[in-house]
Protein backbone atom coordinates (compact mmCIF):
# COMPACT_ATOMS: atom_id res chain seq x y z
CA UNK A 1 0.00 0.00 0.00
CA UNK A 2 1.54 3.28 -1.11
CA UNK A 3 0.93 6.22 1.16
CA UNK A 4 0.06 9.70 -0.12
CA UNK A 5 3.58 10.81 0.88
CA UNK A 6 5.11 7.99 -1.21
CA UNK A 7 2.99 8.89 -4.24
CA UNK A 8 3.85 12.59 -3.92
CA UNK A 9 7.54 11.74 -3.66
CA UNK A 10 7.32 9.40 -6.62
CA UNK A 11 5.76 12.04 -8.85
CA UNK A 12 8.25 14.73 -7.87
CA UNK A 13 11.16 12.31 -8.17
CA UNK A 14 10.05 11.08 -11.58
CA UNK A 15 9.77 14.63 -12.90
CA UNK A 16 13.16 15.58 -11.47
CA UNK A 17 14.68 12.36 -12.82
CA UNK A 18 13.42 12.95 -16.36
CA UNK A 19 14.99 16.40 -16.30
CA UNK A 20 18.31 15.11 -14.94
CA UNK A 21 18.41 12.32 -17.53
CA UNK A 22 17.75 14.74 -20.37
CA UNK A 23 20.48 17.06 -19.11
CA UNK A 24 23.00 14.20 -18.93
CA UNK A 25 21.98 12.92 -22.38
CA UNK A 26 22.42 16.29 -24.06
CA UNK A 27 25.33 17.48 -21.92
CA UNK A 28 28.10 15.08 -20.94
CA UNK A 29 26.32 12.09 -22.56
CA UNK A 30 27.32 9.99 -19.58
CA UNK A 31 24.91 7.78 -17.64
CA UNK A 32 25.37 8.96 -14.06
CA UNK A 33 22.29 7.94 -12.13
CA UNK A 34 24.05 7.19 -8.85
CA UNK A 35 26.00 10.43 -9.05
CA UNK A 36 22.85 12.51 -8.83
CA UNK A 37 22.79 14.71 -5.72
CA UNK A 38 19.00 14.53 -5.63
CA UNK A 39 19.13 10.87 -4.59
CA UNK A 40 21.08 11.65 -1.41
CA UNK A 41 18.46 13.77 0.37
CA UNK A 42 15.53 12.70 -1.80
CA UNK A 43 13.29 15.30 -0.20
CA UNK A 44 13.01 18.03 -2.84
CA UNK A 45 9.54 19.49 -2.59
CA UNK A 46 8.72 17.70 0.66
CA UNK A 47 6.36 19.37 3.12
CA UNK A 48 5.31 17.95 6.47
CA UNK A 49 1.66 18.13 5.41
CA UNK A 50 2.37 15.40 2.84
CA UNK A 51 2.93 12.80 5.53
CA UNK A 52 5.85 10.65 6.55
CA UNK A 53 9.21 11.97 5.24
CA UNK A 54 10.71 8.48 4.90
CA UNK A 55 7.77 7.42 2.70
CA UNK A 56 8.24 10.53 0.56
CA UNK A 57 11.96 9.81 0.20
CA UNK A 58 11.34 6.19 -0.79
CA UNK A 59 8.86 7.30 -3.44
CA UNK A 60 11.18 10.05 -4.65
CA UNK A 61 14.09 7.66 -5.12
CA UNK A 62 11.98 5.14 -7.01
CA UNK A 63 10.44 7.83 -9.20
CA UNK A 64 13.78 9.53 -9.84
CA UNK A 65 15.39 6.30 -11.03
CA UNK A 66 12.50 5.61 -13.39
CA UNK A 67 12.42 9.18 -14.67
CA UNK A 68 16.17 9.27 -15.22
CA UNK A 69 15.94 6.21 -17.48
CA UNK A 70 13.10 7.84 -19.41
CA UNK A 71 14.92 11.15 -19.76
CA UNK A 72 18.28 9.68 -20.72
CA UNK A 73 16.68 7.40 -23.30
CA UNK A 74 18.42 4.16 -22.48
CA UNK A 75 19.72 2.08 -19.63
CA UNK A 76 23.31 0.99 -20.20
PDB file of N, CA and C in Angstrom:
ATOM      1  N   UNK A   1       0.845  -1.193   0.000  1.00  0.00           N
ATOM      2  CA  UNK A   1       0.000   0.000   0.000  1.00  0.00           C
ATOM      3  C   UNK A   1       0.882   1.246   0.000  1.00  0.00           C
ATOM      4  N   UNK A   2       0.757   2.049  -1.021  1.00  0.00           N
ATOM      5  CA  UNK A   2       1.538   3.278  -1.112  1.00  0.00           C
ATOM      6  C   UNK A   2       0.800   4.404  -0.400  1.00  0.00           C
ATOM      7  N   UNK A   3       1.521   5.104   0.423  1.00  0.00           N
ATOM      8  CA  UNK A   3       0.929   6.221   1.161  1.00  0.00           C
ATOM      9  C   UNK A   3       0.869   7.457   0.261  1.00  0.00           C
ATOM     10  N   UNK A   4       0.073   8.448   0.640  1.00  0.00           N
ATOM     11  CA  UNK A   4       0.064   9.704  -0.122  1.00  0.00           C
ATOM     12  C   UNK A   4       1.452  10.351  -0.190  1.00  0.00           C
ATOM     13  N   UNK A   5       2.229  10.244   0.878  1.00  0.00           N
ATOM     14  CA  UNK A   5       3.584  10.807   0.876  1.00  0.00           C
ATOM     15  C   UNK A   5       4.456  10.088  -0.156  1.00  0.00           C
ATOM     16  N   UNK A   6       4.340   8.763  -0.232  1.00  0.00           N
ATOM     17  CA  UNK A   6       5.108   7.990  -1.214  1.00  0.00           C
ATOM     18  C   UNK A   6       4.736   8.422  -2.628  1.00  0.00           C
ATOM     19  N   UNK A   7       3.446   8.512  -2.891  1.00  0.00           N
ATOM     20  CA  UNK A   7       2.988   8.893  -4.239  1.00  0.00           C
ATOM     21  C   UNK A   7       3.443  10.293  -4.609  1.00  0.00           C
ATOM     22  N   UNK A   8       3.384  11.224  -3.653  1.00  0.00           N
ATOM     23  CA  UNK A   8       3.846  12.587  -3.916  1.00  0.00           C
ATOM     24  C   UNK A   8       5.348  12.597  -4.199  1.00  0.00           C
ATOM     25  N   UNK A   9       6.106  11.839  -3.432  1.00  0.00           N
ATOM     26  CA  UNK A   9       7.544  11.744  -3.659  1.00  0.00           C
ATOM     27  C   UNK A   9       7.861  11.111  -4.992  1.00  0.00           C
ATOM     28  N   UNK A  10       7.102  10.076  -5.350  1.00  0.00           N
ATOM     29  CA  UNK A  10       7.321   9.401  -6.623  1.00  0.00           C
ATOM     30  C   UNK A  10       7.118  10.363  -7.790  1.00  0.00           C
ATOM     31  N   UNK A  11       6.045  11.109  -7.753  1.00  0.00           N
ATOM     32  CA  UNK A  11       5.757  12.037  -8.850  1.00  0.00           C
ATOM     33  C   UNK A  11       6.827  13.117  -8.963  1.00  0.00           C
ATOM     34  N   UNK A  12       7.213  13.696  -7.833  1.00  0.00           N
ATOM     35  CA  UNK A  12       8.250  14.729  -7.869  1.00  0.00           C
ATOM     36  C   UNK A  12       9.581  14.127  -8.328  1.00  0.00           C
ATOM     37  N   UNK A  13       9.913  12.968  -7.794  1.00  0.00           N
ATOM     38  CA  UNK A  13      11.159  12.311  -8.171  1.00  0.00           C
ATOM     39  C   UNK A  13      11.206  11.941  -9.636  1.00  0.00           C
ATOM     40  N   UNK A  14      10.085  11.448 -10.162  1.00  0.00           N
ATOM     41  CA  UNK A  14      10.046  11.084 -11.583  1.00  0.00           C
ATOM     42  C   UNK A  14      10.276  12.313 -12.446  1.00  0.00           C
ATOM     43  N   UNK A  15       9.602  13.399 -12.130  1.00  0.00           N
ATOM     44  CA  UNK A  15       9.772  14.630 -12.899  1.00  0.00           C
ATOM     45  C   UNK A  15      11.214  15.136 -12.826  1.00  0.00           C
ATOM     46  N   UNK A  16      11.779  15.137 -11.628  1.00  0.00           N
ATOM     47  CA  UNK A  16      13.162  15.578 -11.467  1.00  0.00           C
ATOM     48  C   UNK A  16      14.121  14.634 -12.197  1.00  0.00           C
ATOM     49  N   UNK A  17      13.833  13.351 -12.157  1.00  0.00           N
ATOM     50  CA  UNK A  17      14.677  12.360 -12.823  1.00  0.00           C
ATOM     51  C   UNK A  17      14.679  12.499 -14.333  1.00  0.00           C
ATOM     52  N   UNK A  18      13.507  12.745 -14.908  1.00  0.00           N
ATOM     53  CA  UNK A  18      13.423  12.951 -16.357  1.00  0.00           C
ATOM     54  C   UNK A  18      14.302  14.135 -16.752  1.00  0.00           C
ATOM     55  N   UNK A  19      14.192  15.207 -16.008  1.00  0.00           N
ATOM     56  CA  UNK A  19      14.986  16.401 -16.301  1.00  0.00           C
ATOM     57  C   UNK A  19      16.487  16.105 -16.188  1.00  0.00           C
ATOM     58  N   UNK A  20      16.894  15.429 -15.138  1.00  0.00           N
ATOM     59  CA  UNK A  20      18.312  15.106 -14.945  1.00  0.00           C
ATOM     60  C   UNK A  20      18.816  14.190 -16.055  1.00  0.00           C
ATOM     61  N   UNK A  21      18.011  13.218 -16.455  1.00  0.00           N
ATOM     62  CA  UNK A  21      18.406  12.321 -17.532  1.00  0.00           C
ATOM     63  C   UNK A  21      18.567  13.046 -18.853  1.00  0.00           C
ATOM     64  N   UNK A  22      17.649  13.959 -19.133  1.00  0.00           N
ATOM     65  CA  UNK A  22      17.751  14.745 -20.367  1.00  0.00           C
ATOM     66  C   UNK A  22      19.005  15.615 -20.355  1.00  0.00           C
ATOM     67  N   UNK A  23      19.291  16.211 -19.208  1.00  0.00           N
ATOM     68  CA  UNK A  23      20.484  17.059 -19.107  1.00  0.00           C
ATOM     69  C   UNK A  23      21.755  16.243 -19.318  1.00  0.00           C
ATOM     70  N   UNK A  24      21.812  15.032 -18.750  1.00  0.00           N
ATOM     71  CA  UNK A  24      22.997  14.195 -18.929  1.00  0.00           C
ATOM     72  C   UNK A  24      23.098  13.673 -20.361  1.00  0.00           C
ATOM     73  N   UNK A  25      21.983  13.413 -20.999  1.00  0.00           N
ATOM     74  CA  UNK A  25      21.982  12.919 -22.375  1.00  0.00           C
ATOM     75  C   UNK A  25      22.478  13.987 -23.337  1.00  0.00           C
ATOM     76  N   UNK A  26      22.051  15.225 -23.126  1.00  0.00           N
ATOM     77  CA  UNK A  26      22.425  16.287 -24.058  1.00  0.00           C
ATOM     78  C   UNK A  26      23.696  17.011 -23.638  1.00  0.00           C
ATOM     79  N   UNK A  27      24.107  16.828 -22.402  1.00  0.00           N
ATOM     80  CA  UNK A  27      25.335  17.479 -21.919  1.00  0.00           C
ATOM     81  C   UNK A  27      26.520  16.540 -22.033  1.00  0.00           C
ATOM     82  N   UNK A  28      26.906  15.919 -20.920  1.00  0.00           N
ATOM     83  CA  UNK A  28      28.102  15.076 -20.937  1.00  0.00           C
ATOM     84  C   UNK A  28      27.896  13.732 -21.643  1.00  0.00           C
ATOM     85  N   UNK A  29      26.653  13.382 -21.925  1.00  0.00           N
ATOM     86  CA  UNK A  29      26.323  12.093 -22.561  1.00  0.00           C
ATOM     87  C   UNK A  29      26.877  10.904 -21.770  1.00  0.00           C
ATOM     88  N   UNK A  30      26.828  11.044 -20.465  1.00  0.00           N
ATOM     89  CA  UNK A  30      27.318   9.992 -19.578  1.00  0.00           C
ATOM     90  C   UNK A  30      26.207   9.603 -18.620  1.00  0.00           C
ATOM     91  N   UNK A  31      25.900   8.314 -18.585  1.00  0.00           N
ATOM     92  CA  UNK A  31      24.914   7.783 -17.641  1.00  0.00           C
ATOM     93  C   UNK A  31      25.494   7.916 -16.236  1.00  0.00           C
ATOM     94  N   UNK A  32      24.842   8.705 -15.401  1.00  0.00           N
ATOM     95  CA  UNK A  32      25.371   8.958 -14.062  1.00  0.00           C
ATOM     96  C   UNK A  32      24.234   8.996 -13.049  1.00  0.00           C
ATOM     97  N   UNK A  33      23.435   7.966 -13.040  1.00  0.00           N
ATOM     98  CA  UNK A  33      22.292   7.936 -12.132  1.00  0.00           C
ATOM     99  C   UNK A  33      22.715   8.011 -10.675  1.00  0.00           C
ATOM    100  N   UNK A  34      23.668   7.219 -10.267  1.00  0.00           N
ATOM    101  CA  UNK A  34      24.052   7.189  -8.851  1.00  0.00           C
ATOM    102  C   UNK A  34      24.828   8.429  -8.437  1.00  0.00           C
ATOM    103  N   UNK A  35      25.298   9.213  -9.384  1.00  0.00           N
ATOM    104  CA  UNK A  35      26.003  10.434  -9.054  1.00  0.00           C
ATOM    105  C   UNK A  35      25.091  11.635  -8.876  1.00  0.00           C
ATOM    106  N   UNK A  36      23.807  11.417  -8.941  1.00  0.00           N
ATOM    107  CA  UNK A  36      22.848  12.510  -8.834  1.00  0.00           C
ATOM    108  C   UNK A  36      22.679  12.924  -7.376  1.00  0.00           C
ATOM    109  N   UNK A  37      22.921  14.186  -7.094  1.00  0.00           N
ATOM    110  CA  UNK A  37      22.786  14.709  -5.720  1.00  0.00           C
ATOM    111  C   UNK A  37      21.375  14.535  -5.179  1.00  0.00           C
ATOM    112  N   UNK A  38      20.389  14.603  -6.065  1.00  0.00           N
ATOM    113  CA  UNK A  38      18.996  14.534  -5.631  1.00  0.00           C
ATOM    114  C   UNK A  38      18.690  13.231  -4.887  1.00  0.00           C
ATOM    115  N   UNK A  39      19.404  12.164  -5.226  1.00  0.00           N
ATOM    116  CA  UNK A  39      19.133  10.872  -4.590  1.00  0.00           C
ATOM    117  C   UNK A  39      19.638  10.813  -3.150  1.00  0.00           C
ATOM    118  N   UNK A  40      20.549  11.675  -2.779  1.00  0.00           N
ATOM    119  CA  UNK A  40      21.079  11.649  -1.414  1.00  0.00           C
ATOM    120  C   UNK A  40      20.016  12.078  -0.408  1.00  0.00           C
ATOM    121  N   UNK A  41      19.492  13.266  -0.553  1.00  0.00           N
ATOM    122  CA  UNK A  41      18.463  13.768   0.367  1.00  0.00           C
ATOM    123  C   UNK A  41      17.092  13.224   0.001  1.00  0.00           C
ATOM    124  N   UNK A  42      16.792  13.215  -1.283  1.00  0.00           N
ATOM    125  CA  UNK A  42      15.526  12.696  -1.800  1.00  0.00           C
ATOM    126  C   UNK A  42      14.317  13.349  -1.135  1.00  0.00           C
ATOM    127  N   UNK A  43      14.428  14.638  -0.849  1.00  0.00           N
ATOM    128  CA  UNK A  43      13.295  15.296  -0.204  1.00  0.00           C
ATOM    129  C   UNK A  43      12.927  16.621  -0.875  1.00  0.00           C
ATOM    130  N   UNK A  44      13.365  16.812  -2.109  1.00  0.00           N
ATOM    131  CA  UNK A  44      13.010  18.029  -2.837  1.00  0.00           C
ATOM    132  C   UNK A  44      11.491  18.137  -2.922  1.00  0.00           C
ATOM    133  N   UNK A  45      10.973  19.266  -2.524  1.00  0.00           N
ATOM    134  CA  UNK A  45       9.537  19.488  -2.585  1.00  0.00           C
ATOM    135  C   UNK A  45       8.749  18.951  -1.401  1.00  0.00           C
ATOM    136  N   UNK A  46       9.426  18.283  -0.475  1.00  0.00           N
ATOM    137  CA  UNK A  46       8.717  17.698   0.664  1.00  0.00           C
ATOM    138  C   UNK A  46       8.195  18.770   1.603  1.00  0.00           C
ATOM    139  N   UNK A  47       6.968  18.547   2.078  1.00  0.00           N
ATOM    140  CA  UNK A  47       6.357  19.368   3.115  1.00  0.00           C
ATOM    141  C   UNK A  47       5.741  18.433   4.140  1.00  0.00           C
ATOM    142  N   UNK A  48       5.813  18.808   5.398  1.00  0.00           N
ATOM    143  CA  UNK A  48       5.312  17.953   6.474  1.00  0.00           C
ATOM    144  C   UNK A  48       3.846  17.569   6.271  1.00  0.00           C
ATOM    145  N   UNK A  49       3.084  18.426   5.632  1.00  0.00           N
ATOM    146  CA  UNK A  49       1.659  18.132   5.414  1.00  0.00           C
ATOM    147  C   UNK A  49       1.445  16.950   4.467  1.00  0.00           C
ATOM    148  N   UNK A  50       2.484  16.537   3.766  1.00  0.00           N
ATOM    149  CA  UNK A  50       2.372  15.405   2.839  1.00  0.00           C
ATOM    150  C   UNK A  50       2.351  14.069   3.566  1.00  0.00           C
ATOM    151  N   UNK A  51       2.884  14.044   4.777  1.00  0.00           N
ATOM    152  CA  UNK A  51       2.932  12.800   5.534  1.00  0.00           C
ATOM    153  C   UNK A  51       4.364  12.444   5.906  1.00  0.00           C
ATOM    154  N   UNK A  52       4.583  11.173   6.075  1.00  0.00           N
ATOM    155  CA  UNK A  52       5.855  10.648   6.548  1.00  0.00           C
ATOM    156  C   UNK A  52       6.991  10.961   5.568  1.00  0.00           C
ATOM    157  N   UNK A  53       8.066  11.575   6.085  1.00  0.00           N
ATOM    158  CA  UNK A  53       9.209  11.967   5.239  1.00  0.00           C
ATOM    159  C   UNK A  53       9.905  10.747   4.641  1.00  0.00           C
ATOM    160  N   UNK A  54      10.047   9.682   5.404  1.00  0.00           N
ATOM    161  CA  UNK A  54      10.710   8.475   4.898  1.00  0.00           C
ATOM    162  C   UNK A  54       9.926   7.878   3.733  1.00  0.00           C
ATOM    163  N   UNK A  55       8.594   7.903   3.807  1.00  0.00           N
ATOM    164  CA  UNK A  55       7.769   7.418   2.697  1.00  0.00           C
ATOM    165  C   UNK A  55       7.984   8.284   1.461  1.00  0.00           C
ATOM    166  N   UNK A  56       8.009   9.599   1.670  1.00  0.00           N
ATOM    167  CA  UNK A  56       8.242  10.531   0.561  1.00  0.00           C
ATOM    168  C   UNK A  56       9.594  10.245  -0.089  1.00  0.00           C
ATOM    169  N   UNK A  57      10.619  10.060   0.736  1.00  0.00           N
ATOM    170  CA  UNK A  57      11.955   9.807   0.204  1.00  0.00           C
ATOM    171  C   UNK A  57      12.019   8.501  -0.575  1.00  0.00           C
ATOM    172  N   UNK A  58      11.356   7.470  -0.083  1.00  0.00           N
ATOM    173  CA  UNK A  58      11.340   6.194  -0.794  1.00  0.00           C
ATOM    174  C   UNK A  58      10.670   6.353  -2.157  1.00  0.00           C
ATOM    175  N   UNK A  59       9.548   7.057  -2.178  1.00  0.00           N
ATOM    176  CA  UNK A  59       8.863   7.297  -3.441  1.00  0.00           C
ATOM    177  C   UNK A  59       9.687   8.148  -4.386  1.00  0.00           C
ATOM    178  N   UNK A  60      10.345   9.161  -3.834  1.00  0.00           N
ATOM    179  CA  UNK A  60      11.176  10.054  -4.648  1.00  0.00           C
ATOM    180  C   UNK A  60      12.296   9.271  -5.323  1.00  0.00           C
ATOM    181  N   UNK A  61      12.974   8.436  -4.556  1.00  0.00           N
ATOM    182  CA  UNK A  61      14.090   7.663  -5.124  1.00  0.00           C
ATOM    183  C   UNK A  61      13.618   6.718  -6.221  1.00  0.00           C
ATOM    184  N   UNK A  62      12.509   6.047  -6.007  1.00  0.00           N
ATOM    185  CA  UNK A  62      11.975   5.138  -7.015  1.00  0.00           C
ATOM    186  C   UNK A  62      11.569   5.917  -8.265  1.00  0.00           C
ATOM    187  N   UNK A  63      10.865   7.010  -8.066  1.00  0.00           N
ATOM    188  CA  UNK A  63      10.437   7.832  -9.196  1.00  0.00           C
ATOM    189  C   UNK A  63      11.602   8.451  -9.936  1.00  0.00           C
ATOM    190  N   UNK A  64      12.619   8.906  -9.209  1.00  0.00           N
ATOM    191  CA  UNK A  64      13.782   9.529  -9.843  1.00  0.00           C
ATOM    192  C   UNK A  64      14.506   8.530 -10.732  1.00  0.00           C
ATOM    193  N   UNK A  65      14.694   7.330 -10.233  1.00  0.00           N
ATOM    194  CA  UNK A  65      15.391   6.304 -11.033  1.00  0.00           C
ATOM    195  C   UNK A  65      14.609   5.990 -12.308  1.00  0.00           C
ATOM    196  N   UNK A  66      13.316   5.881 -12.204  1.00  0.00           N
ATOM    197  CA  UNK A  66      12.499   5.612 -13.390  1.00  0.00           C
ATOM    198  C   UNK A  66      12.562   6.802 -14.356  1.00  0.00           C
ATOM    199  N   UNK A  67      12.398   7.993 -13.828  1.00  0.00           N
ATOM    200  CA  UNK A  67      12.419   9.179 -14.667  1.00  0.00           C
ATOM    201  C   UNK A  67      13.764   9.389 -15.344  1.00  0.00           C
ATOM    202  N   UNK A  68      14.844   9.106 -14.635  1.00  0.00           N
ATOM    203  CA  UNK A  68      16.175   9.271 -15.220  1.00  0.00           C
ATOM    204  C   UNK A  68      16.330   8.371 -16.444  1.00  0.00           C
ATOM    205  N   UNK A  69      15.883   7.125 -16.331  1.00  0.00           N
ATOM    206  CA  UNK A  69      15.942   6.209 -17.484  1.00  0.00           C
ATOM    207  C   UNK A  69      15.129   6.758 -18.649  1.00  0.00           C
ATOM    208  N   UNK A  70      13.955   7.280 -18.347  1.00  0.00           N
ATOM    209  CA  UNK A  70      13.100   7.842 -19.405  1.00  0.00           C
ATOM    210  C   UNK A  70      13.762   9.053 -20.050  1.00  0.00           C
ATOM    211  N   UNK A  71      14.317   9.939 -19.253  1.00  0.00           N
ATOM    212  CA  UNK A  71      14.925  11.155 -19.760  1.00  0.00           C
ATOM    213  C   UNK A  71      16.203  10.922 -20.532  1.00  0.00           C
ATOM    214  N   UNK A  72      17.002   9.963 -20.069  1.00  0.00           N
ATOM    215  CA  UNK A  72      18.277   9.679 -20.724  1.00  0.00           C
ATOM    216  C   UNK A  72      18.047   8.942 -22.030  1.00  0.00           C
ATOM    217  N   UNK A  73      17.035   8.091 -22.059  1.00  0.00           N
ATOM    218  CA  UNK A  73      16.683   7.403 -23.295  1.00  0.00           C
ATOM    219  C   UNK A  73      17.162   5.978 -23.403  1.00  0.00           C
ATOM    220  N   UNK A  74      17.980   5.552 -22.467  1.00  0.00           N
ATOM    221  CA  UNK A  74      18.419   4.160 -22.480  1.00  0.00           C
ATOM    222  C   UNK A  74      18.973   3.814 -21.107  1.00  0.00           C
ATOM    223  N   UNK A  75      19.129   2.550 -20.876  1.00  0.00           N
ATOM    224  CA  UNK A  75      19.723   2.079 -19.627  1.00  0.00           C
ATOM    225  C   UNK A  75      20.918   1.218 -19.988  1.00  0.00           C
ATOM    226  N   UNK A  76      22.123   1.729 -19.781  1.00  0.00           N
ATOM    227  CA  UNK A  76      23.306   0.987 -20.203  1.00  0.00           C
ATOM    228  C   UNK A  76      23.459  -0.343 -19.488  1.00  0.00           C
TER     229      UNK A  76
END
